[in-house]
Amino acid sequence: MATVIGSVNKLINQTSTQILENHIPQKLADMINTVVNTGFQVVEDVLKITQDLTKASDSNEGDS
């Protein structure tokens, strides 16, 4: 039983070491940040287009 626990301990240690040495948490955080920023940029672009379309529509209301 002690051998199994020792093996699992070693596996956990090696895995966490590799994750830290390869900067996985920082790379993952950067990737998530990029995805979120891109999503909000798309929302902003859509809102600008919507604003432009409705602005053109408002100028036609006085002609009725």
PDB file of N, CA and C in Angstrom:
ATOM      1  N   MET A   1       0.825  -1.197   0.000  1.00  0.00           N
ATOM      2  CA  MET A   1       0.000   0.000   0.000  1.00  0.00           C
ATOM      3  C   MET A   1       0.866   1.258   0.000  1.00  0.00           C
ATOM      4  N   ALA A   2       1.963   1.206   0.755  1.00  0.00           N
ATOM      5  CA  ALA A   2       2.859   2.363   0.816  1.00  0.00           C
ATOM      6  C   ALA A   2       3.482   2.639  -0.549  1.00  0.00           C
ATOM      7  N   THR A   3       3.707   1.571  -1.336  1.00  0.00           N
ATOM      8  CA  THR A   3       4.283   1.738  -2.673  1.00  0.00           C
ATOM      9  C   THR A   3       3.317   2.472  -3.595  1.00  0.00           C
ATOM     10  N   VAL A   4       2.045   2.147  -3.495  1.00  0.00           N
ATOM     11  CA  VAL A   4       1.023   2.811  -4.322  1.00  0.00           C
ATOM     12  C   VAL A   4       0.940   4.285  -3.953  1.00  0.00           C
ATOM     13  N   ILE A   5       0.922   4.582  -2.659  1.00  0.00           N
ATOM     14  CA  ILE A   5       0.853   5.976  -2.207  1.00  0.00           C
ATOM     15  C   ILE A   5       2.104   6.725  -2.638  1.00  0.00           C
ATOM     16  N   GLY A   6       3.252   6.076  -2.539  1.00  0.00           N
ATOM     17  CA  GLY A   6       4.501   6.705  -2.976  1.00  0.00           C
ATOM     18  C   GLY A   6       4.493   6.993  -4.465  1.00  0.00           C
ATOM     19  N   SER A   7       3.959   6.068  -5.258  1.00  0.00           N
ATOM     20  CA  SER A   7       3.875   6.256  -6.712  1.00  0.00           C
ATOM     21  C   SER A   7       2.929   7.395  -7.068  1.00  0.00           C
ATOM     22  N   VAL A   8       1.799   7.440  -6.398  1.00  0.00           N
ATOM     23  CA  VAL A   8       0.825   8.511  -6.645  1.00  0.00           C
ATOM     24  C   VAL A   8       1.425   9.854  -6.239  1.00  0.00           C
ATOM     25  N   ASN A   9       2.116   9.871  -5.109  1.00  0.00           N
ATOM     26  CA  ASN A   9       2.772  11.089  -4.636  1.00  0.00           C
ATOM     27  C   ASN A   9       3.777  11.597  -5.670  1.00  0.00           C
ATOM     28  N   LYS A  10       4.581  10.676  -6.203  1.00  0.00           N
ATOM     29  CA  LYS A  10       5.591  11.043  -7.203  1.00  0.00           C
ATOM     30  C   LYS A  10       4.927  11.578  -8.469  1.00  0.00           C
ATOM     31  N   LEU A  11       3.853  10.935  -8.903  1.00  0.00           N
ATOM     32  CA  LEU A  11       3.127  11.369 -10.091  1.00  0.00           C
ATOM     33  C   LEU A  11       2.559  12.772  -9.901  1.00  0.00           C
ATOM     34  N   ILE A  12       1.965  13.021  -8.762  1.00  0.00           N
ATOM     35  CA  ILE A  12       1.405  14.346  -8.469  1.00  0.00           C
ATOM     36  C   ILE A  12       2.508  15.398  -8.450  1.00  0.00           C
ATOM     37  N   ASN A  13       3.632  15.062  -7.830  1.00  0.00           N
ATOM     38  CA  ASN A  13       4.743  16.002  -7.754  1.00  0.00           C
ATOM     39  C   ASN A  13       5.294  16.324  -9.140  1.00  0.00           C
ATOM     40  N   GLN A  14       5.491  15.309  -9.963  1.00  0.00           N
ATOM     41  CA  GLN A  14       6.021  15.529 -11.308  1.00  0.00           C
ATOM     42  C   GLN A  14       5.053  16.324 -12.177  1.00  0.00           C
ATOM     43  N   THR A  15       3.773  16.033 -12.043  1.00  0.00           N
ATOM     44  CA  THR A  15       2.765  16.747 -12.817  1.00  0.00           C
ATOM     45  C   THR A  15       2.717  18.220 -12.428  1.00  0.00           C
ATOM     46  N   SER A  16       2.667  18.504 -11.134  1.00  0.00           N
ATOM     47  CA  SER A  16       2.613  19.895 -10.698  1.00  0.00           C
ATOM     48  C   SER A  16       3.889  20.643 -11.066  1.00  0.00           C
ATOM     49  N   THR A  17       5.024  19.962 -11.009  1.00  0.00           N
ATOM     50  CA  THR A  17       6.291  20.594 -11.405  1.00  0.00           C
ATOM     51  C   THR A  17       6.267  20.979 -12.877  1.00  0.00           C
ATOM     52  N   GLN A  18       5.811  20.082 -13.726  1.00  0.00           N
ATOM     53  CA  GLN A  18       5.748  20.374 -15.165  1.00  0.00           C
ATOM     54  C   GLN A  18       4.757  21.492 -15.477  1.00  0.00           C
ATOM     55  N   ILE A  19       3.643  21.508 -14.792  1.00  0.00           N
ATOM     56  CA  ILE A  19       2.644  22.563 -14.999  1.00  0.00           C
ATOM     57  C   ILE A  19       3.246  23.918 -14.656  1.00  0.00           C
ATOM     58  N   LEU A  20       3.958  23.986 -13.542  1.00  0.00           N
ATOM     59  CA  LEU A  20       4.567  25.251 -13.127  1.00  0.00           C
ATOM     60  C   LEU A  20       5.736  25.641 -14.023  1.00  0.00           C
ATOM     61  N   GLU A  21       6.597  24.683 -14.383  1.00  0.00           N
ATOM     62  CA  GLU A  21       7.760  24.990 -15.221  1.00  0.00           C
ATOM     63  C   GLU A  21       7.365  25.445 -16.618  1.00  0.00           C
ATOM     64  N   ASN A  22       6.256  24.962 -17.116  1.00  0.00           N
ATOM     65  CA  ASN A  22       5.796  25.341 -18.451  1.00  0.00           C
ATOM     66  C   ASN A  22       4.850  26.539 -18.429  1.00  0.00           C
ATOM     67  N   HIS A  23       4.682  27.142 -17.275  1.00  0.00           N
ATOM     68  CA  HIS A  23       3.867  28.357 -17.098  1.00  0.00           C
ATOM     69  C   HIS A  23       2.437  28.172 -17.606  1.00  0.00           C
ATOM     70  N   ILE A  24       1.884  27.001 -17.394  1.00  0.00           N
ATOM     71  CA  ILE A  24       0.533  26.685 -17.868  1.00  0.00           C
ATOM     72  C   ILE A  24      -0.515  27.620 -17.268  1.00  0.00           C
ATOM     73  N   PRO A  25      -0.495  27.911 -15.952  1.00  0.00           N
ATOM     74  CA  PRO A  25      -1.524  28.809 -15.410  1.00  0.00           C
ATOM     75  C   PRO A  25      -1.508  30.198 -16.059  1.00  0.00           C
ATOM     76  N   GLN A  26      -0.314  30.759 -16.275  1.00  0.00           N
ATOM     77  CA  GLN A  26      -0.224  32.087 -16.890  1.00  0.00           C
ATOM     78  C   GLN A  26      -0.670  32.055 -18.346  1.00  0.00           C
ATOM     79  N   LYS A  27      -0.283  31.010 -19.070  1.00  0.00           N
ATOM     80  CA  LYS A  27      -0.693  30.890 -20.468  1.00  0.00           C
ATOM     81  C   LYS A  27      -2.210  30.733 -20.581  1.00  0.00           C
ATOM     82  N   LEU A  28      -2.787  29.965 -19.674  1.00  0.00           N
ATOM     83  CA  LEU A  28      -4.235  29.776 -19.673  1.00  0.00           C
ATOM     84  C   LEU A  28      -4.947  31.090 -19.343  1.00  0.00           C
ATOM     85  N   ALA A  29      -4.427  31.824 -18.377  1.00  0.00           N
ATOM     86  CA  ALA A  29      -5.018  33.113 -18.021  1.00  0.00           C
ATOM     87  C   ALA A  29      -4.937  34.093 -19.190  1.00  0.00           C
ATOM     88  N   ASP A  30      -3.809  34.109 -19.896  1.00  0.00           N
ATOM     89  CA  ASP A  30      -3.659  34.985 -21.065  1.00  0.00           C
ATOM     90  C   ASP A  30      -4.655  34.610 -22.162  1.00  0.00           C
ATOM     91  N   MET A  31      -4.832  33.315 -22.373  1.00  0.00           N
ATOM     92  CA  MET A  31      -5.759  32.858 -23.401  1.00  0.00           C
ATOM     93  C   MET A  31      -7.196  33.259 -23.061  1.00  0.00           C
ATOM     94  N   ILE A  32      -7.585  33.051 -21.814  1.00  0.00           N
ATOM     95  CA  ILE A  32      -8.939  33.413 -21.387  1.00  0.00           C
ATOM     96  C   ILE A  32      -9.146  34.915 -21.506  1.00  0.00           C
ATOM     97  N   ASN A  33      -8.139  35.692 -21.127  1.00  0.00           N
ATOM     98  CA  ASN A  33      -8.214  37.144 -21.229  1.00  0.00           C
ATOM     99  C   ASN A  33      -8.411  37.579 -22.684  1.00  0.00           C
ATOM    100  N   THR A  34      -7.688  36.947 -23.596  1.00  0.00           N
ATOM    101  CA  THR A  34      -7.824  37.273 -25.018  1.00  0.00           C
ATOM    102  C   THR A  34      -9.226  36.952 -25.525  1.00  0.00           C
ATOM    103  N   VAL A  35      -9.753  35.807 -25.134  1.00  0.00           N
ATOM    104  CA  VAL A  35     -11.100  35.410 -25.572  1.00  0.00           C
ATOM    105  C   VAL A  35     -12.140  36.397 -25.052  1.00  0.00           C
ATOM    106  N   VAL A  36     -12.040  36.776 -23.784  1.00  0.00           N
ATOM    107  CA  VAL A  36     -13.007  37.703 -23.192  1.00  0.00           C
ATOM    108  C   VAL A  36     -12.902  39.075 -23.856  1.00  0.00           C
ATOM    109  N   ASN A  37     -11.685  39.572 -24.044  1.00  0.00           N
ATOM    110  CA  ASN A  37     -11.510  40.872 -24.693  1.00  0.00           C
ATOM    111  C   ASN A  37     -12.056  40.867 -26.116  1.00  0.00           C
ATOM    112  N   THR A  38     -11.817  39.794 -26.838  1.00  0.00           N
ATOM    113  CA  THR A  38     -12.325  39.685 -28.202  1.00  0.00           C
ATOM    114  C   THR A  38     -13.850  39.662 -28.204  1.00  0.00           C
ATOM    115  N   GLY A  39     -14.430  38.950 -27.284  1.00  0.00           N
ATOM    116  CA  GLY A  39     -15.894  38.908 -27.179  1.00  0.00           C
ATOM    117  C   GLY A  39     -16.486  40.278 -26.929  1.00  0.00           C
ATOM    118  N   PHE A  40     -15.888  41.037 -26.012  1.00  0.00           N
ATOM    119  CA  PHE A  40     -16.398  42.375 -25.736  1.00  0.00           C
ATOM    120  C   PHE A  40     -16.159  43.327 -26.907  1.00  0.00           C
ATOM    121  N   GLN A  41     -15.083  43.127 -27.654  1.00  0.00           N
ATOM    122  CA  GLN A  41     -14.841  43.952 -28.843  1.00  0.00           C
ATOM    123  C   GLN A  41     -15.920  43.695 -29.886  1.00  0.00           C
ATOM    124  N   VAL A  42     -16.322  42.434 -30.043  1.00  0.00           N
ATOM    125  CA  VAL A  42     -17.395  42.094 -30.982  1.00  0.00           C
ATOM    126  C   VAL A  42     -18.700  42.756 -30.545  1.00  0.00           C
ATOM    127  N   VAL A  43     -19.000  42.706 -29.244  1.00  0.00           N
ATOM    128  CA  VAL A  43     -20.211  43.352 -28.729  1.00  0.00           C
ATOM    129  C   VAL A  43     -20.170  44.849 -29.013  1.00  0.00           C
ATOM    130  N   GLU A  44     -19.022  45.469 -28.782  1.00  0.00           N
ATOM    131  CA  GLU A  44     -18.884  46.904 -29.037  1.00  0.00           C
ATOM    132  C   GLU A  44     -19.097  47.221 -30.516  1.00  0.00           C
ATOM    133  N   ASP A  45     -18.529  46.409 -31.395  1.00  0.00           N
ATOM    134  CA  ASP A  45     -18.706  46.626 -32.835  1.00  0.00           C
ATOM    135  C   ASP A  45     -20.167  46.479 -33.245  1.00  0.00           C
ATOM    136  N   VAL A  46     -20.840  45.480 -32.710  1.00  0.00           N
ATOM    137  CA  VAL A  46     -22.262  45.275 -33.024  1.00  0.00           C
ATOM    138  C   VAL A  46     -23.088  46.455 -32.526  1.00  0.00           C
ATOM    139  N   LEU A  47     -22.784  46.957 -31.334  1.00  0.00           N
ATOM    140  CA  LEU A  47     -23.515  48.109 -30.803  1.00  0.00           C
ATOM    141  C   LEU A  47     -23.291  49.355 -31.657  1.00  0.00           C
ATOM    142  N   LYS A  48     -22.083  49.535 -32.160  1.00  0.00           N
ATOM    143  CA  LYS A  48     -21.806  50.684 -33.040  1.00  0.00           C
ATOM    144  C   LYS A  48     -22.597  50.575 -34.340  1.00  0.00           C
ATOM    145  N   ILE A  49     -22.642  49.384 -34.903  1.00  0.00           N
ATOM    146  CA  ILE A  49     -23.405  49.171 -36.135  1.00  0.00           C
ATOM    147  C   ILE A  49     -24.893  49.404 -35.875  1.00  0.00           C
ATOM    148  N   THR A  50     -25.396  48.881 -34.760  1.00  0.00           N
ATOM    149  CA  THR A  50     -26.799  49.078 -34.395  1.00  0.00           C
ATOM    150  C   THR A  50     -27.095  50.551 -34.205  1.00  0.00           C
ATOM    151  N   GLN A  51     -26.191  51.244 -33.552  1.00  0.00           N
ATOM    152  CA  GLN A  51     -26.355  52.686 -33.340  1.00  0.00           C
ATOM    153  C   GLN A  51     -26.416  53.426 -34.677  1.00  0.00           C
ATOM    154  N   ASP A  52     -25.526  53.075 -35.600  1.00  0.00           N
ATOM    155  CA  ASP A  52     -25.529  53.717 -36.915  1.00  0.00           C
ATOM    156  C   ASP A  52     -26.812  53.424 -37.682  1.00  0.00           C
ATOM    157  N   LEU A  53     -27.282  52.184 -37.627  1.00  0.00           N
ATOM    158  CA  LEU A  53     -28.502  51.822 -38.347  1.00  0.00           C
ATOM    159  C   LEU A  53     -29.727  52.525 -37.769  1.00  0.00           C
ATOM    160  N   THR A  54     -29.813  52.609 -36.456  1.00  0.00           N
ATOM    161  CA  THR A  54     -30.974  53.255 -35.849  1.00  0.00           C
ATOM    162  C   THR A  54     -30.901  54.766 -35.983  1.00  0.00           C
ATOM    163  N   LYS A  55     -29.718  55.315 -36.073  1.00  0.00           N
ATOM    164  CA  LYS A  55     -29.562  56.755 -36.282  1.00  0.00           C
ATOM    165  C   LYS A  55     -30.103  57.144 -37.650  1.00  0.00           C
ATOM    166  N   ALA A  56     -29.806  56.371 -38.673  1.00  0.00           N
ATOM    167  CA  ALA A  56     -30.325  56.625 -40.008  1.00  0.00           C
ATOM    168  C   ALA A  56     -31.827  56.485 -40.037  1.00  0.00           C
ATOM    169  N   SER A  57     -32.355  55.561 -39.245  1.00  0.00           N
ATOM    170  CA  SER A  57     -33.772  55.328 -39.164  1.00  0.00           C
ATOM    171  C   SER A  57     -34.473  56.498 -38.487  1.00  0.00           C
ATOM    172  N   ASP A  58     -33.873  57.129 -37.475  1.00  0.00           N
ATOM    173  CA  ASP A  58     -34.460  58.250 -36.756  1.00  0.00           C
ATOM    174  C   ASP A  58     -34.613  59.474 -37.652  1.00  0.00           C
ATOM    175  N   SER A  59     -33.703  59.694 -38.572  1.00  0.00           N
ATOM    176  CA  SER A  59     -33.778  60.862 -39.450  1.00  0.00           C
ATOM    177  C   SER A  59     -34.927  60.756 -40.425  1.00  0.00           C
ATOM    178  N   ASN A  60     -35.418  59.571 -40.711  1.00  0.00           N
ATOM    179  CA  ASN A  60     -36.536  59.365 -41.635  1.00  0.00           C
ATOM    180  C   ASN A  60     -37.893  59.564 -40.955  1.00  0.00           C
ATOM    181  N   GLU A  61     -37.946  59.566 -39.619  1.00  0.00           N
ATOM    182  CA  GLU A  61     -39.218  59.688 -38.926  1.00  0.00           C
ATOM    183  C   GLU A  61     -39.864  61.054 -39.137  1.00  0.00           C
ATOM    184  N   GLY A  62     -39.080  62.093 -39.291  1.00  0.00           N
ATOM    185  CA  GLY A  62     -39.635  63.433 -39.469  1.00  0.00           C
ATOM    186  C   GLY A  62     -40.264  63.625 -40.824  1.00  0.00           C
ATOM    187  N   ASP A  63     -40.016  62.765 -41.770  1.00  0.00           N
ATOM    188  CA  ASP A  63     -40.541  62.893 -43.121  1.00  0.00           C
ATOM    189  C   ASP A  63     -41.969  62.373 -43.240  1.00  0.00           C
ATOM    190  N   SER A  64     -42.523  61.719 -42.251  1.00  0.00           N
ATOM    191  CA  SER A  64     -43.842  61.096 -42.350  1.00  0.00           C
ATOM    192  C   SER A  64     -44.928  62.095 -42.487  1.00  0.00           C
TER     193      SER A  64
END
